[in-house]
């Protein structure tokens, strides 16, 4: 498990000048299926690293990309969210750079997936048609032009929380759009779960955590095992064979 510097590739592509990430490597000699991981709005933190380590233990060469490489969360969050809403901008260049970097790694078997959580889930949905072989969208925001954004996407597995007040009805809308487009998919809404339910600890400033709980944001140990199994099964189906 190590930090990787993607700045030479990123600079050449017009992306973030200091682009980097956390690489979690499975045990063994490989080659391995690869996954680009996209963090929540809080940035590339220990929670994201634990998610990456988990996928590595399941056999995936996992690069948790730092979309805030050029200035940290405070300086980059607003511009990154704006790019997600527009569907274009530097974060998309950075994600393309990460995908190509993994695909060219001697440890990669040539197949690459993408997974995102919260803000990262929104990005994972938007890049699902940009050269990836499989995508995992976890409580990600849906674009307003949903079907146009998804046309030509790779197979998608998506997990949402029934108690997530920030994404009411999102699971149903995504299910309908993917069905209409004929894209292989599995979308599930977990009744007891809220936003960020795959996290194993509360995030954000301590003073805001009670409010976040009221809003349906936080871990849900009841739903987490099945959601992770759905992710691993999906990636195994589309990346390992």
C-alpha atoms as a PDB file:
ATOM      1  CA  UNK A   1       0.000   0.000   0.000  1.00  0.00           C
ATOM      2  CA  UNK A   2       1.691   3.189  -1.135  1.00  0.00           C
ATOM      3  CA  UNK A   3       1.315   6.708  -2.464  1.00  0.00           C
ATOM      4  CA  UNK A   4       1.687   7.028  -6.219  1.00  0.00           C
ATOM      5  CA  UNK A   5       2.594  10.125  -8.212  1.00  0.00           C
ATOM      6  CA  UNK A   6       0.632  10.544 -11.435  1.00  0.00           C
ATOM      7  CA  UNK A   7       1.740  14.125 -12.049  1.00  0.00           C
ATOM      8  CA  UNK A   8       3.839  13.447 -15.203  1.00  0.00           C
ATOM      9  CA  UNK A   9       0.912  11.741 -16.933  1.00  0.00           C
ATOM     10  CA  UNK A  10      -1.589  14.245 -15.547  1.00  0.00           C
ATOM     11  CA  UNK A  11       0.389  17.315 -16.585  1.00  0.00           C
ATOM     12  CA  UNK A  12       0.787  15.949 -20.106  1.00  0.00           C
ATOM     13  CA  UNK A  13      -2.978  15.414 -20.328  1.00  0.00           C
ATOM     14  CA  UNK A  14      -3.853  18.869 -18.945  1.00  0.00           C
ATOM     15  CA  UNK A  15      -4.994  17.619 -15.564  1.00  0.00           C
ATOM     16  CA  UNK A  16      -3.959  18.363 -11.981  1.00  0.00           C
ATOM     17  CA  UNK A  17      -0.287  19.253 -11.718  1.00  0.00           C
ATOM     18  CA  UNK A  18       0.200  17.335  -8.455  1.00  0.00           C
ATOM     19  CA  UNK A  19      -2.132  14.404  -9.117  1.00  0.00           C
ATOM     20  CA  UNK A  20      -1.568  11.442  -6.837  1.00  0.00           C
ATOM     21  CA  UNK A  21      -3.355   8.684  -5.019  1.00  0.00           C
ATOM     22  CA  UNK A  22      -3.198   5.696  -2.733  1.00  0.00           C
ATOM     23  CA  UNK A  23      -2.427   2.365  -4.385  1.00  0.00           C
ATOM     24  CA  UNK A  24      -3.570  -0.808  -2.640  1.00  0.00           C
ATOM     25  CA  UNK A  25      -2.044  -3.947  -4.164  1.00  0.00           C
ATOM     26  CA  UNK A  26      -3.383  -7.486  -3.663  1.00  0.00           C
ATOM     27  CA  UNK A  27      -1.111 -10.200  -2.360  1.00  0.00           C
ATOM     28  CA  UNK A  28       0.412 -12.445  -5.009  1.00  0.00           C
ATOM     29  CA  UNK A  29       2.135 -11.818  -8.307  1.00  0.00           C
ATOM     30  CA  UNK A  30      -0.776 -10.801 -10.534  1.00  0.00           C
ATOM     31  CA  UNK A  31      -1.798  -9.657 -12.999  1.00  0.00           C
ATOM     32  CA  UNK A  32      -4.884  -8.311 -11.245  1.00  0.00           C
ATOM     33  CA  UNK A  33      -8.112  -6.626 -12.319  1.00  0.00           C
ATOM     34  CA  UNK A  34      -7.853  -2.917 -11.522  1.00  0.00           C
ATOM     35  CA  UNK A  35     -10.219  -0.368  -9.973  1.00  0.00           C
ATOM     36  CA  UNK A  36     -10.127   3.428  -9.786  1.00  0.00           C
ATOM     37  CA  UNK A  37     -11.696   4.559  -6.496  1.00  0.00           C
ATOM     38  CA  UNK A  38     -13.235   8.036  -6.104  1.00  0.00           C
ATOM     39  CA  UNK A  39     -13.533   9.488  -2.616  1.00  0.00           C
ATOM     40  CA  UNK A  40     -16.320  11.352  -0.845  1.00  0.00           C
ATOM     41  CA  UNK A  41     -16.486  15.125  -0.463  1.00  0.00           C
ATOM     42  CA  UNK A  42     -14.203  14.899   2.595  1.00  0.00           C
ATOM     43  CA  UNK A  43     -11.316  13.894   0.330  1.00  0.00           C
ATOM     44  CA  UNK A  44      -8.850  11.030   0.253  1.00  0.00           C
ATOM     45  CA  UNK A  45      -8.787  10.093   3.937  1.00  0.00           C
ATOM     46  CA  UNK A  46      -8.270   6.983   6.067  1.00  0.00           C
ATOM     47  CA  UNK A  47     -11.828   5.854   5.338  1.00  0.00           C
ATOM     48  CA  UNK A  48     -11.141   5.812   1.608  1.00  0.00           C
ATOM     49  CA  UNK A  49      -7.852   4.024   2.193  1.00  0.00           C
ATOM     50  CA  UNK A  50      -9.658   1.328   4.180  1.00  0.00           C
ATOM     51  CA  UNK A  51     -12.130   0.923   1.314  1.00  0.00           C
ATOM     52  CA  UNK A  52      -9.190   0.536  -1.079  1.00  0.00           C
ATOM     53  CA  UNK A  53      -7.484  -1.984   1.188  1.00  0.00           C
ATOM     54  CA  UNK A  54     -10.709  -3.975   1.308  1.00  0.00           C
ATOM     55  CA  UNK A  55     -10.881  -4.216  -2.475  1.00  0.00           C
ATOM     56  CA  UNK A  56      -7.202  -5.159  -2.609  1.00  0.00           C
ATOM     57  CA  UNK A  57      -7.859  -8.031  -0.217  1.00  0.00           C
ATOM     58  CA  UNK A  58     -10.587  -9.158  -2.635  1.00  0.00           C
ATOM     59  CA  UNK A  59      -8.007  -9.268  -5.431  1.00  0.00           C
ATOM     60  CA  UNK A  60      -8.243  -5.836  -7.077  1.00  0.00           C
ATOM     61  CA  UNK A  61      -5.366  -3.477  -7.826  1.00  0.00           C
ATOM     62  CA  UNK A  62      -7.031  -0.381  -6.415  1.00  0.00           C
ATOM     63  CA  UNK A  63      -5.996   3.225  -6.983  1.00  0.00           C
ATOM     64  CA  UNK A  64      -7.821   5.647  -4.681  1.00  0.00           C
ATOM     65  CA  UNK A  65      -7.353   8.858  -6.636  1.00  0.00           C
ATOM     66  CA  UNK A  66      -7.011  12.206  -4.878  1.00  0.00           C
ATOM     67  CA  UNK A  67      -9.202  14.641  -6.809  1.00  0.00           C
ATOM     68  CA  UNK A  68      -8.073  17.381  -4.405  1.00  0.00           C
ATOM     69  CA  UNK A  69      -4.361  16.872  -5.133  1.00  0.00           C
ATOM     70  CA  UNK A  70      -3.765  20.465  -6.193  1.00  0.00           C
ATOM     71  CA  UNK A  71      -4.957  22.222  -3.061  1.00  0.00           C
ATOM     72  CA  UNK A  72      -6.762  20.017  -0.569  1.00  0.00           C
ATOM     73  CA  UNK A  73     -10.430  19.805   0.320  1.00  0.00           C
ATOM     74  CA  UNK A  74     -10.997  23.467   1.231  1.00  0.00           C
ATOM     75  CA  UNK A  75      -9.539  24.823  -2.004  1.00  0.00           C
ATOM     76  CA  UNK A  76     -10.783  22.137  -4.395  1.00  0.00           C
ATOM     77  CA  UNK A  77     -14.196  20.958  -3.182  1.00  0.00           C
ATOM     78  CA  UNK A  78     -16.326  23.693  -4.744  1.00  0.00           C
ATOM     79  CA  UNK A  79     -14.612  23.595  -8.146  1.00  0.00           C
ATOM     80  CA  UNK A  80     -14.727  19.781  -8.172  1.00  0.00           C
ATOM     81  CA  UNK A  81     -18.441  19.744  -7.397  1.00  0.00           C
ATOM     82  CA  UNK A  82     -19.042  22.318 -10.135  1.00  0.00           C
ATOM     83  CA  UNK A  83     -17.230  20.086 -12.605  1.00  0.00           C
ATOM     84  CA  UNK A  84     -19.409  17.146 -11.592  1.00  0.00           C
ATOM     85  CA  UNK A  85     -22.561  19.217 -12.140  1.00  0.00           C
ATOM     86  CA  UNK A  86     -21.304  20.337 -15.573  1.00  0.00           C
ATOM     87  CA  UNK A  87     -20.048  16.882 -16.524  1.00  0.00           C
ATOM     88  CA  UNK A  88     -16.715  18.273 -17.671  1.00  0.00           C
ATOM     89  CA  UNK A  89     -13.476  19.749 -16.357  1.00  0.00           C
ATOM     90  CA  UNK A  90     -10.200  18.791 -14.747  1.00  0.00           C
ATOM     91  CA  UNK A  91     -11.541  15.974 -12.496  1.00  0.00           C
ATOM     92  CA  UNK A  92     -12.609  14.062 -15.593  1.00  0.00           C
ATOM     93  CA  UNK A  93      -9.138  14.452 -17.087  1.00  0.00           C
ATOM     94  CA  UNK A  94      -7.656  13.209 -13.822  1.00  0.00           C
ATOM     95  CA  UNK A  95      -9.944  10.173 -13.795  1.00  0.00           C
ATOM     96  CA  UNK A  96      -9.034   9.350 -17.377  1.00  0.00           C
ATOM     97  CA  UNK A  97      -5.356   9.629 -16.437  1.00  0.00           C
ATOM     98  CA  UNK A  98      -5.858   7.234 -13.521  1.00  0.00           C
ATOM     99  CA  UNK A  99      -7.700   4.724 -15.699  1.00  0.00           C
ATOM    100  CA  UNK A 100      -4.944   4.725 -18.310  1.00  0.00           C
ATOM    101  CA  UNK A 101      -2.221   4.540 -15.656  1.00  0.00           C
ATOM    102  CA  UNK A 102      -3.809   1.434 -14.148  1.00  0.00           C
ATOM    103  CA  UNK A 103      -4.485  -0.183 -17.517  1.00  0.00           C
ATOM    104  CA  UNK A 104      -0.812   0.260 -18.449  1.00  0.00           C
ATOM    105  CA  UNK A 105       0.477  -1.132 -15.161  1.00  0.00           C
ATOM    106  CA  UNK A 106       2.325  -4.452 -15.460  1.00  0.00           C
ATOM    107  CA  UNK A 107       0.239  -5.590 -12.486  1.00  0.00           C
ATOM    108  CA  UNK A 108      -3.040  -5.059 -14.380  1.00  0.00           C
ATOM    109  CA  UNK A 109      -4.885  -7.732 -16.363  1.00  0.00           C
ATOM    110  CA  UNK A 110      -6.140  -5.008 -18.723  1.00  0.00           C
ATOM    111  CA  UNK A 111      -9.633  -4.682 -17.257  1.00  0.00           C
ATOM    112  CA  UNK A 112     -10.469  -1.629 -15.148  1.00  0.00           C
ATOM    113  CA  UNK A 113     -13.481  -0.739 -13.041  1.00  0.00           C
ATOM    114  CA  UNK A 114     -14.476   2.427 -11.231  1.00  0.00           C
ATOM    115  CA  UNK A 115     -16.101   2.819  -7.828  1.00  0.00           C
ATOM    116  CA  UNK A 116     -17.238   5.950  -6.031  1.00  0.00           C
ATOM    117  CA  UNK A 117     -18.903   7.002  -2.805  1.00  0.00           C
ATOM    118  CA  UNK A 118     -21.107  10.086  -2.286  1.00  0.00           C
ATOM    119  CA  UNK A 119     -19.490  12.759  -4.505  1.00  0.00           C
ATOM    120  CA  UNK A 120     -17.344   9.979  -5.933  1.00  0.00           C
ATOM    121  CA  UNK A 121     -20.463   7.966  -6.702  1.00  0.00           C
ATOM    122  CA  UNK A 122     -21.710  10.828  -8.843  1.00  0.00           C
ATOM    123  CA  UNK A 123     -18.424  10.885 -10.731  1.00  0.00           C
ATOM    124  CA  UNK A 124     -18.420   7.074 -11.110  1.00  0.00           C
ATOM    125  CA  UNK A 125     -21.816   7.300 -12.786  1.00  0.00           C
ATOM    126  CA  UNK A 126     -20.645  10.029 -15.171  1.00  0.00           C
ATOM    127  CA  UNK A 127     -17.469   8.208 -16.275  1.00  0.00           C
ATOM    128  CA  UNK A 128     -19.112   4.782 -16.625  1.00  0.00           C
ATOM    129  CA  UNK A 129     -19.081   5.232 -20.411  1.00  0.00           C
ATOM    130  CA  UNK A 130     -15.489   6.508 -20.587  1.00  0.00           C
ATOM    131  CA  UNK A 131     -13.535   3.311 -21.143  1.00  0.00           C
ATOM    132  CA  UNK A 132     -14.247   1.448 -17.915  1.00  0.00           C
ATOM    133  CA  UNK A 133     -15.343  -2.198 -17.907  1.00  0.00           C
ATOM    134  CA  UNK A 134     -17.589  -2.018 -14.813  1.00  0.00           C
ATOM    135  CA  UNK A 135     -18.808   0.654 -12.401  1.00  0.00           C
ATOM    136  CA  UNK A 136     -19.988   0.719  -8.795  1.00  0.00           C
ATOM    137  CA  UNK A 137     -22.087   3.736  -7.794  1.00  0.00           C
ATOM    138  CA  UNK A 138     -22.702   4.185  -4.073  1.00  0.00           C
ATOM    139  CA  UNK A 139     -25.222   6.864  -3.026  1.00  0.00           C
ATOM    140  CA  UNK A 140     -24.069   9.080  -5.883  1.00  0.00           C
ATOM    141  CA  UNK A 141     -25.967  12.098  -7.193  1.00  0.00           C
ATOM    142  CA  UNK A 142     -27.779  11.536 -10.486  1.00  0.00           C
ATOM    143  CA  UNK A 143     -27.215  13.972 -13.372  1.00  0.00           C
ATOM    144  CA  UNK A 144     -30.245  15.913 -14.579  1.00  0.00           C
ATOM    145  CA  UNK A 145     -29.852  14.531 -18.108  1.00  0.00           C
ATOM    146  CA  UNK A 146     -29.712  10.989 -16.768  1.00  0.00           C
ATOM    147  CA  UNK A 147     -30.270   8.882 -19.873  1.00  0.00           C
ATOM    148  CA  UNK A 148     -28.059  11.038 -22.080  1.00  0.00           C
ATOM    149  CA  UNK A 149     -25.276  10.823 -19.499  1.00  0.00           C
ATOM    150  CA  UNK A 150     -25.554   7.031 -19.247  1.00  0.00           C
ATOM    151  CA  UNK A 151     -25.910   6.100 -22.906  1.00  0.00           C
ATOM    152  CA  UNK A 152     -23.133   3.620 -23.776  1.00  0.00           C
ATOM    153  CA  UNK A 153     -22.162   3.014 -20.134  1.00  0.00           C
ATOM    154  CA  UNK A 154     -20.503  -0.149 -18.863  1.00  0.00           C
ATOM    155  CA  UNK A 155     -22.376  -2.531 -16.509  1.00  0.00           C
ATOM    156  CA  UNK A 156     -23.326  -0.782 -13.255  1.00  0.00           C
ATOM    157  CA  UNK A 157     -24.036  -1.914  -9.708  1.00  0.00           C
ATOM    158  CA  UNK A 158     -25.552   0.743  -7.455  1.00  0.00           C
ATOM    159  CA  UNK A 159     -26.330   0.910  -3.737  1.00  0.00           C
ATOM    160  CA  UNK A 160     -28.574   3.520  -2.127  1.00  0.00           C
ATOM    161  CA  UNK A 161     -30.100   4.031   1.313  1.00  0.00           C
ATOM    162  CA  UNK A 162     -33.829   4.197   1.904  1.00  0.00           C
ATOM    163  CA  UNK A 163     -33.284   6.669   4.753  1.00  0.00           C
ATOM    164  CA  UNK A 164     -31.048   8.940   2.672  1.00  0.00           C
ATOM    165  CA  UNK A 165     -32.938  12.237   2.625  1.00  0.00           C
ATOM    166  CA  UNK A 166     -30.453  13.710   0.138  1.00  0.00           C
ATOM    167  CA  UNK A 167     -31.255  11.201  -2.636  1.00  0.00           C
ATOM    168  CA  UNK A 168     -34.963  10.413  -2.359  1.00  0.00           C
ATOM    169  CA  UNK A 169     -36.143   8.376  -5.331  1.00  0.00           C
ATOM    170  CA  UNK A 170     -32.669   8.180  -6.880  1.00  0.00           C
ATOM    171  CA  UNK A 171     -32.534   4.374  -6.912  1.00  0.00           C
ATOM    172  CA  UNK A 172     -35.831   4.114  -8.775  1.00  0.00           C
ATOM    173  CA  UNK A 173     -34.865   6.744 -11.340  1.00  0.00           C
ATOM    174  CA  UNK A 174     -31.510   5.098 -11.988  1.00  0.00           C
ATOM    175  CA  UNK A 175     -33.127   1.663 -12.307  1.00  0.00           C
ATOM    176  CA  UNK A 176     -35.601   2.980 -14.879  1.00  0.00           C
ATOM    177  CA  UNK A 177     -32.947   4.788 -16.917  1.00  0.00           C
ATOM    178  CA  UNK A 178     -30.604   1.798 -17.060  1.00  0.00           C
ATOM    179  CA  UNK A 179     -33.482  -0.491 -18.021  1.00  0.00           C
ATOM    180  CA  UNK A 180     -34.587   1.855 -20.791  1.00  0.00           C
ATOM    181  CA  UNK A 181     -31.040   2.007 -22.155  1.00  0.00           C
ATOM    182  CA  UNK A 182     -30.499  -1.759 -21.958  1.00  0.00           C
ATOM    183  CA  UNK A 183     -27.393  -1.400 -19.779  1.00  0.00           C
ATOM    184  CA  UNK A 184     -26.631  -4.433 -17.556  1.00  0.00           C
ATOM    185  CA  UNK A 185     -27.209  -3.333 -13.988  1.00  0.00           C
ATOM    186  CA  UNK A 186     -28.233  -4.104 -10.439  1.00  0.00           C
ATOM    187  CA  UNK A 187     -29.660  -1.272  -8.339  1.00  0.00           C
ATOM    188  CA  UNK A 188     -30.714  -1.731  -4.726  1.00  0.00           C
ATOM    189  CA  UNK A 189     -32.059   0.573  -2.050  1.00  0.00           C
ATOM    190  CA  UNK A 190     -31.397  -0.673   1.492  1.00  0.00           C
ATOM    191  CA  UNK A 191     -34.353   0.230   3.762  1.00  0.00           C
ATOM    192  CA  UNK A 192     -32.366   0.751   6.986  1.00  0.00           C
ATOM    193  CA  UNK A 193     -29.475   2.635   5.377  1.00  0.00           C
ATOM    194  CA  UNK A 194     -28.843   6.340   4.913  1.00  0.00           C
ATOM    195  CA  UNK A 195     -26.237   8.321   3.030  1.00  0.00           C
ATOM    196  CA  UNK A 196     -22.599   7.186   3.447  1.00  0.00           C
ATOM    197  CA  UNK A 197     -23.774   3.900   4.941  1.00  0.00           C
ATOM    198  CA  UNK A 198     -20.738   1.935   3.712  1.00  0.00           C
ATOM    199  CA  UNK A 199     -18.457   3.947   5.986  1.00  0.00           C
ATOM    200  CA  UNK A 200     -17.331   2.200   9.147  1.00  0.00           C
ATOM    201  CA  UNK A 201     -17.151   5.432  11.184  1.00  0.00           C
ATOM    202  CA  UNK A 202     -18.760   8.876  11.232  1.00  0.00           C
ATOM    203  CA  UNK A 203     -16.939  11.535   9.236  1.00  0.00           C
ATOM    204  CA  UNK A 204     -16.943  15.306   9.274  1.00  0.00           C
ATOM    205  CA  UNK A 205     -16.608  17.819  12.150  1.00  0.00           C
ATOM    206  CA  UNK A 206     -17.849  16.329  15.429  1.00  0.00           C
ATOM    207  CA  UNK A 207     -20.193  19.272  16.027  1.00  0.00           C
ATOM    208  CA  UNK A 208     -22.140  18.415  12.851  1.00  0.00           C
ATOM    209  CA  UNK A 209     -22.428  14.667  13.398  1.00  0.00           C
ATOM    210  CA  UNK A 210     -25.739  14.709  15.322  1.00  0.00           C
ATOM    211  CA  UNK A 211     -27.264  16.753  12.484  1.00  0.00           C
ATOM    212  CA  UNK A 212     -25.828  14.363   9.913  1.00  0.00           C
ATOM    213  CA  UNK A 213     -27.484  11.459  11.699  1.00  0.00           C
ATOM    214  CA  UNK A 214     -30.826  13.264  11.615  1.00  0.00           C
ATOM    215  CA  UNK A 215     -30.315  13.747   7.865  1.00  0.00           C
ATOM    216  CA  UNK A 216     -29.722  10.020   7.461  1.00  0.00           C
ATOM    217  CA  UNK A 217     -25.953  10.192   7.006  1.00  0.00           C
ATOM    218  CA  UNK A 218     -23.670   7.605   8.580  1.00  0.00           C
ATOM    219  CA  UNK A 219     -22.694   3.934   8.893  1.00  0.00           C
ATOM    220  CA  UNK A 220     -25.220   1.115   8.723  1.00  0.00           C
ATOM    221  CA  UNK A 221     -23.580  -2.192   9.751  1.00  0.00           C
ATOM    222  CA  UNK A 222     -26.789  -4.071   8.911  1.00  0.00           C
ATOM    223  CA  UNK A 223     -26.666  -3.207   5.204  1.00  0.00           C
ATOM    224  CA  UNK A 224     -22.911  -2.928   4.628  1.00  0.00           C
ATOM    225  CA  UNK A 225     -22.021  -6.648   4.207  1.00  0.00           C
ATOM    226  CA  UNK A 226     -24.583  -7.242   1.458  1.00  0.00           C
ATOM    227  CA  UNK A 227     -23.688  -4.016  -0.332  1.00  0.00           C
ATOM    228  CA  UNK A 228     -19.988  -4.907  -0.396  1.00  0.00           C
ATOM    229  CA  UNK A 229     -20.815  -8.415  -1.585  1.00  0.00           C
ATOM    230  CA  UNK A 230     -22.818  -6.934  -4.450  1.00  0.00           C
ATOM    231  CA  UNK A 231     -19.831  -4.782  -5.398  1.00  0.00           C
ATOM    232  CA  UNK A 232     -17.374  -7.678  -5.276  1.00  0.00           C
ATOM    233  CA  UNK A 233     -19.695  -9.982  -7.230  1.00  0.00           C
ATOM    234  CA  UNK A 234     -20.178  -7.322  -9.910  1.00  0.00           C
ATOM    235  CA  UNK A 235     -16.474  -6.659 -10.315  1.00  0.00           C
ATOM    236  CA  UNK A 236     -15.680 -10.387 -10.327  1.00  0.00           C
ATOM    237  CA  UNK A 237     -18.198 -10.928 -13.122  1.00  0.00           C
ATOM    238  CA  UNK A 238     -16.894  -8.138 -15.352  1.00  0.00           C
ATOM    239  CA  UNK A 239     -13.230  -7.712 -14.447  1.00  0.00           C
ATOM    240  CA  UNK A 240     -11.822 -11.080 -13.434  1.00  0.00           C
ATOM    241  CA  UNK A 241     -12.958 -13.289 -16.304  1.00  0.00           C
END
